[in-house]
């Protein structure tokens, strides 16, 4: 399944270009979910999720909709994966009311955190197999076969952070893939062609693809996500 969406949805500047004129903020999510299949939530990076918040999100979206949520900064940036399973467990528990709406949980590691395969391996051992997870490594020392092999053994995705559209996607380490397009639209037709080709290549190998377009101030991101979503047809 192709899940294409945007990184965030609560942007006032999208009223008009995407949201109908005069749409109040409390109606953004329900409208968004009527058009797109998924959204990437950054809110949970700075605010630990609560069951009440999860129930609110669930009430505004169909069961088929998917939330991919960024792991809280206390896990990735403060503790830097060191003995964090209790916090991760609490994070997942707080998402319980979302039920089938839970997509992938993104662990975005800070650029100042160099490779530590022992910490990564200890966390991977605890992650439940019935959930989908992705890791975004931003220090160059994480790139390499050892990191990919650890993720592959755990069946966890290596997040692709796309800035060079011509670059090949990273190796598939799970049955699903996670791509974050970090250049905001607009794009040239040549660039769009690269995006389409990349999505189709990944879909030939992965059962699920989560693809998120970076927020832009002109409200073009949702339209691009809709274009990508249509590639599955």
Protein backbone atom coordinates (compact mmCIF):
# COMPACT_ATOMS: atom_id res chain seq x y z
CA UNK A 1 0.00 0.00 0.00
CA UNK A 2 1.23 3.48 -0.84
CA UNK A 3 0.70 5.98 1.97
CA UNK A 4 1.54 9.48 0.74
CA UNK A 5 1.05 12.56 2.85
CA UNK A 6 2.73 15.62 4.31
CA UNK A 7 4.87 16.35 7.34
CA UNK A 8 2.19 18.03 9.44
CA UNK A 9 -1.25 19.34 8.60
CA UNK A 10 -2.07 22.28 10.91
CA UNK A 11 -0.88 25.18 8.78
CA UNK A 12 -3.01 28.33 8.46
CA UNK A 13 -1.29 29.20 5.18
CA UNK A 14 -2.87 26.12 3.59
CA UNK A 15 -6.35 27.64 3.97
CA UNK A 16 -7.28 28.56 0.43
CA UNK A 17 -4.65 26.55 -1.48
CA UNK A 18 -5.74 23.26 0.18
CA UNK A 19 -8.26 23.77 2.96
CA UNK A 20 -11.50 25.49 1.88
CA UNK A 21 -11.68 29.22 2.69
CA UNK A 22 -12.53 30.01 6.31
CA UNK A 23 -11.86 26.42 7.47
CA UNK A 24 -11.26 26.59 11.27
CA UNK A 25 -8.21 24.88 12.71
CA UNK A 26 -10.30 22.24 14.46
CA UNK A 27 -11.51 21.05 11.03
CA UNK A 28 -8.10 20.75 9.38
CA UNK A 29 -7.45 17.11 10.25
CA UNK A 30 -10.84 15.75 9.23
CA UNK A 31 -10.64 17.53 5.86
CA UNK A 32 -7.03 16.42 5.37
CA UNK A 33 -7.97 12.79 6.12
CA UNK A 34 -10.79 12.95 3.56
CA UNK A 35 -8.19 13.59 0.84
CA UNK A 36 -4.99 11.87 1.92
CA UNK A 37 -4.21 8.52 3.54
CA UNK A 38 -1.55 9.50 6.05
CA UNK A 39 0.19 12.31 7.91
CA UNK A 40 3.53 12.54 9.68
CA UNK A 41 3.16 14.00 13.18
CA UNK A 42 6.00 16.11 14.57
CA UNK A 43 3.97 17.18 17.64
CA UNK A 44 4.96 14.01 19.50
CA UNK A 45 8.65 14.91 19.22
CA UNK A 46 8.23 17.82 21.64
CA UNK A 47 5.06 16.75 23.47
CA UNK A 48 4.81 13.21 24.82
CA UNK A 49 1.53 11.78 23.48
CA UNK A 50 -1.46 11.18 25.72
CA UNK A 51 -4.35 8.79 25.32
CA UNK A 52 -6.75 11.74 25.22
CA UNK A 53 -4.84 13.27 22.30
CA UNK A 54 -4.84 9.90 20.53
CA UNK A 55 -8.59 9.54 21.04
CA UNK A 56 -9.10 13.01 19.56
CA UNK A 57 -7.05 12.16 16.46
CA UNK A 58 -8.93 8.88 16.08
CA UNK A 59 -12.32 10.58 16.28
CA UNK A 60 -11.42 12.85 13.35
CA UNK A 61 -10.12 10.19 10.96
CA UNK A 62 -11.31 6.95 9.34
CA UNK A 63 -9.81 3.65 10.49
CA UNK A 64 -7.95 3.33 7.19
CA UNK A 65 -6.01 6.56 7.82
CA UNK A 66 -2.42 6.24 9.07
CA UNK A 67 -0.53 8.43 11.54
CA UNK A 68 3.24 8.17 11.45
CA UNK A 69 4.55 9.75 14.62
CA UNK A 70 7.98 11.05 15.52
CA UNK A 71 9.43 9.54 18.71
CA UNK A 72 9.78 11.94 21.64
CA UNK A 73 13.04 13.86 21.91
CA UNK A 74 13.75 12.45 25.38
CA UNK A 75 14.40 9.10 23.67
CA UNK A 76 16.30 10.25 20.59
CA UNK A 77 18.03 13.48 21.59
CA UNK A 78 18.40 13.39 25.38
CA UNK A 79 19.01 9.72 26.18
CA UNK A 80 20.15 8.99 22.63
CA UNK A 81 18.71 5.45 22.70
CA UNK A 82 20.43 4.56 25.97
CA UNK A 83 18.12 2.41 28.15
CA UNK A 84 15.02 3.96 26.63
CA UNK A 85 12.68 0.97 26.25
CA UNK A 86 10.43 1.99 29.22
CA UNK A 87 9.87 5.40 27.62
CA UNK A 88 9.26 3.87 24.19
CA UNK A 89 6.79 1.43 25.75
CA UNK A 90 4.91 4.31 27.40
CA UNK A 91 4.92 6.22 24.11
CA UNK A 92 3.36 3.28 22.27
CA UNK A 93 0.83 2.73 25.04
CA UNK A 94 -0.33 6.35 24.79
CA UNK A 95 -1.06 5.80 21.10
CA UNK A 96 -3.35 2.85 21.87
CA UNK A 97 -6.65 4.65 21.09
CA UNK A 98 -5.47 5.16 17.51
CA UNK A 99 -5.79 1.41 16.97
CA UNK A 100 -5.27 0.50 13.29
CA UNK A 101 -4.49 4.13 12.45
CA UNK A 102 -0.93 3.76 13.75
CA UNK A 103 1.46 3.78 10.81
CA UNK A 104 5.22 3.86 11.40
CA UNK A 105 7.00 5.30 14.43
CA UNK A 106 9.94 7.45 13.33
CA UNK A 107 13.11 7.62 15.42
CA UNK A 108 14.90 10.72 14.10
CA UNK A 109 18.36 10.80 15.66
CA UNK A 110 20.26 14.07 16.10
CA UNK A 111 23.13 14.98 13.74
CA UNK A 112 25.55 15.10 16.69
CA UNK A 113 24.90 11.46 17.70
CA UNK A 114 27.55 9.18 16.12
CA UNK A 115 27.08 5.50 15.47
CA UNK A 116 26.43 3.29 18.51
CA UNK A 117 25.38 -0.13 17.30
CA UNK A 118 25.16 -1.51 20.84
CA UNK A 119 22.51 1.03 21.87
CA UNK A 120 20.62 0.54 18.64
CA UNK A 121 20.73 -3.24 18.97
CA UNK A 122 19.47 -3.20 22.54
CA UNK A 123 16.46 -1.08 21.58
CA UNK A 124 15.66 -3.14 18.49
CA UNK A 125 15.41 -6.27 20.63
CA UNK A 126 12.48 -4.74 22.53
CA UNK A 127 10.46 -3.27 19.66
CA UNK A 128 7.22 -5.22 19.12
CA UNK A 129 7.00 -7.11 15.84
CA UNK A 130 3.39 -6.07 15.26
CA UNK A 131 4.36 -2.41 14.84
CA UNK A 132 6.27 -0.60 12.11
CA UNK A 133 9.30 1.53 12.91
CA UNK A 134 11.78 3.62 10.94
CA UNK A 135 15.14 5.10 11.92
CA UNK A 136 16.53 8.30 10.45
CA UNK A 137 20.28 8.57 11.07
CA UNK A 138 21.76 12.04 10.54
CA UNK A 139 25.40 11.51 11.58
CA UNK A 140 27.42 10.12 8.64
CA UNK A 141 29.05 7.43 10.80
CA UNK A 142 25.74 5.49 10.82
CA UNK A 143 25.91 4.84 7.09
CA UNK A 144 27.19 1.38 6.38
CA UNK A 145 26.42 -2.30 6.17
CA UNK A 146 26.47 -2.94 9.92
CA UNK A 147 23.65 -0.48 10.60
CA UNK A 148 21.57 -1.81 7.72
CA UNK A 149 22.11 -5.40 8.82
CA UNK A 150 20.94 -4.67 12.38
CA UNK A 151 17.76 -3.09 11.04
CA UNK A 152 17.25 -5.95 8.58
CA UNK A 153 17.51 -8.55 11.34
CA UNK A 154 14.85 -6.68 13.30
CA UNK A 155 12.66 -6.02 10.25
CA UNK A 156 12.79 -2.26 10.83
CA UNK A 157 12.96 0.38 8.07
CA UNK A 158 15.91 2.61 7.29
CA UNK A 159 14.39 6.05 6.68
CA UNK A 160 15.43 7.74 3.45
CA UNK A 161 15.78 11.51 3.82
CA UNK A 162 15.62 12.78 0.25
CA UNK A 163 17.39 15.97 -0.76
CA UNK A 164 18.99 14.67 -3.97
CA UNK A 165 16.15 13.30 -6.08
CA UNK A 166 18.57 11.51 -8.42
CA UNK A 167 20.06 9.50 -5.57
CA UNK A 168 19.10 5.86 -5.25
CA UNK A 169 16.98 5.02 -2.18
CA UNK A 170 18.77 3.21 0.68
CA UNK A 171 18.61 -0.59 0.96
CA UNK A 172 15.28 -2.06 1.97
CA UNK A 173 15.63 -3.46 5.50
CA UNK A 174 11.97 -4.27 6.15
CA UNK A 175 8.82 -5.21 4.27
CA UNK A 176 7.93 -1.51 4.31
CA UNK A 177 9.81 1.65 3.38
CA UNK A 178 9.82 5.20 4.79
CA UNK A 179 10.79 8.21 2.66
CA UNK A 180 10.89 11.86 3.75
CA UNK A 181 11.14 14.38 0.91
CA UNK A 182 13.00 17.28 2.50
CA UNK A 183 12.95 19.69 -0.44
CA UNK A 184 9.61 21.54 -0.48
CA UNK A 185 7.69 22.06 -3.72
CA UNK A 186 7.42 23.44 -6.33
CA UNK A 187 9.41 21.03 -8.50
CA UNK A 188 10.25 21.02 -12.17
CA UNK A 189 8.79 18.34 -14.42
CA UNK A 190 12.20 16.66 -14.47
CA UNK A 191 12.28 16.56 -10.67
CA UNK A 192 8.73 15.19 -10.54
CA UNK A 193 9.78 12.47 -12.96
CA UNK A 194 12.59 11.45 -10.60
CA UNK A 195 10.13 11.31 -7.69
CA UNK A 196 7.66 9.16 -9.63
CA UNK A 197 10.36 6.75 -10.74
CA UNK A 198 11.71 6.42 -7.21
CA UNK A 199 8.28 5.70 -5.76
CA UNK A 200 7.54 3.06 -8.37
CA UNK A 201 10.92 1.36 -7.81
CA UNK A 202 10.34 1.15 -4.07
CA UNK A 203 6.78 -0.14 -4.49
CA UNK A 204 8.08 -3.07 -6.54
CA UNK A 205 10.03 -4.24 -3.49
CA UNK A 206 8.08 -3.05 -0.43
CA UNK A 207 4.62 -4.07 0.76
CA UNK A 208 4.03 -0.58 2.21
CA UNK A 209 5.61 2.76 1.42
CA UNK A 210 5.23 5.80 3.67
CA UNK A 211 6.13 8.92 1.68
CA UNK A 212 6.02 12.38 3.29
CA UNK A 213 6.36 15.73 1.54
CA UNK A 214 7.89 18.63 3.45
CA UNK A 215 5.56 21.45 4.48
CA UNK A 216 5.69 24.54 2.29
CA UNK A 217 4.22 28.00 2.95
CA UNK A 218 2.34 28.15 -0.36
CA UNK A 219 0.17 25.10 0.28
CA UNK A 220 1.63 23.05 -2.60
CA UNK A 221 2.67 20.06 -0.49
CA UNK A 222 -0.78 18.42 -0.24
CA UNK A 223 -1.23 18.60 -4.03
CA UNK A 224 2.13 16.87 -4.55
CA UNK A 225 1.21 14.21 -1.98
CA UNK A 226 -2.04 13.61 -3.88
CA UNK A 227 -0.06 13.18 -7.11
CA UNK A 228 2.19 10.64 -5.46
CA UNK A 229 -0.78 8.84 -3.92
CA UNK A 230 -2.26 8.37 -7.40
CA UNK A 231 0.83 6.44 -8.56
CA UNK A 232 -0.55 3.29 -6.95
CA UNK A 233 -3.51 3.21 -9.32
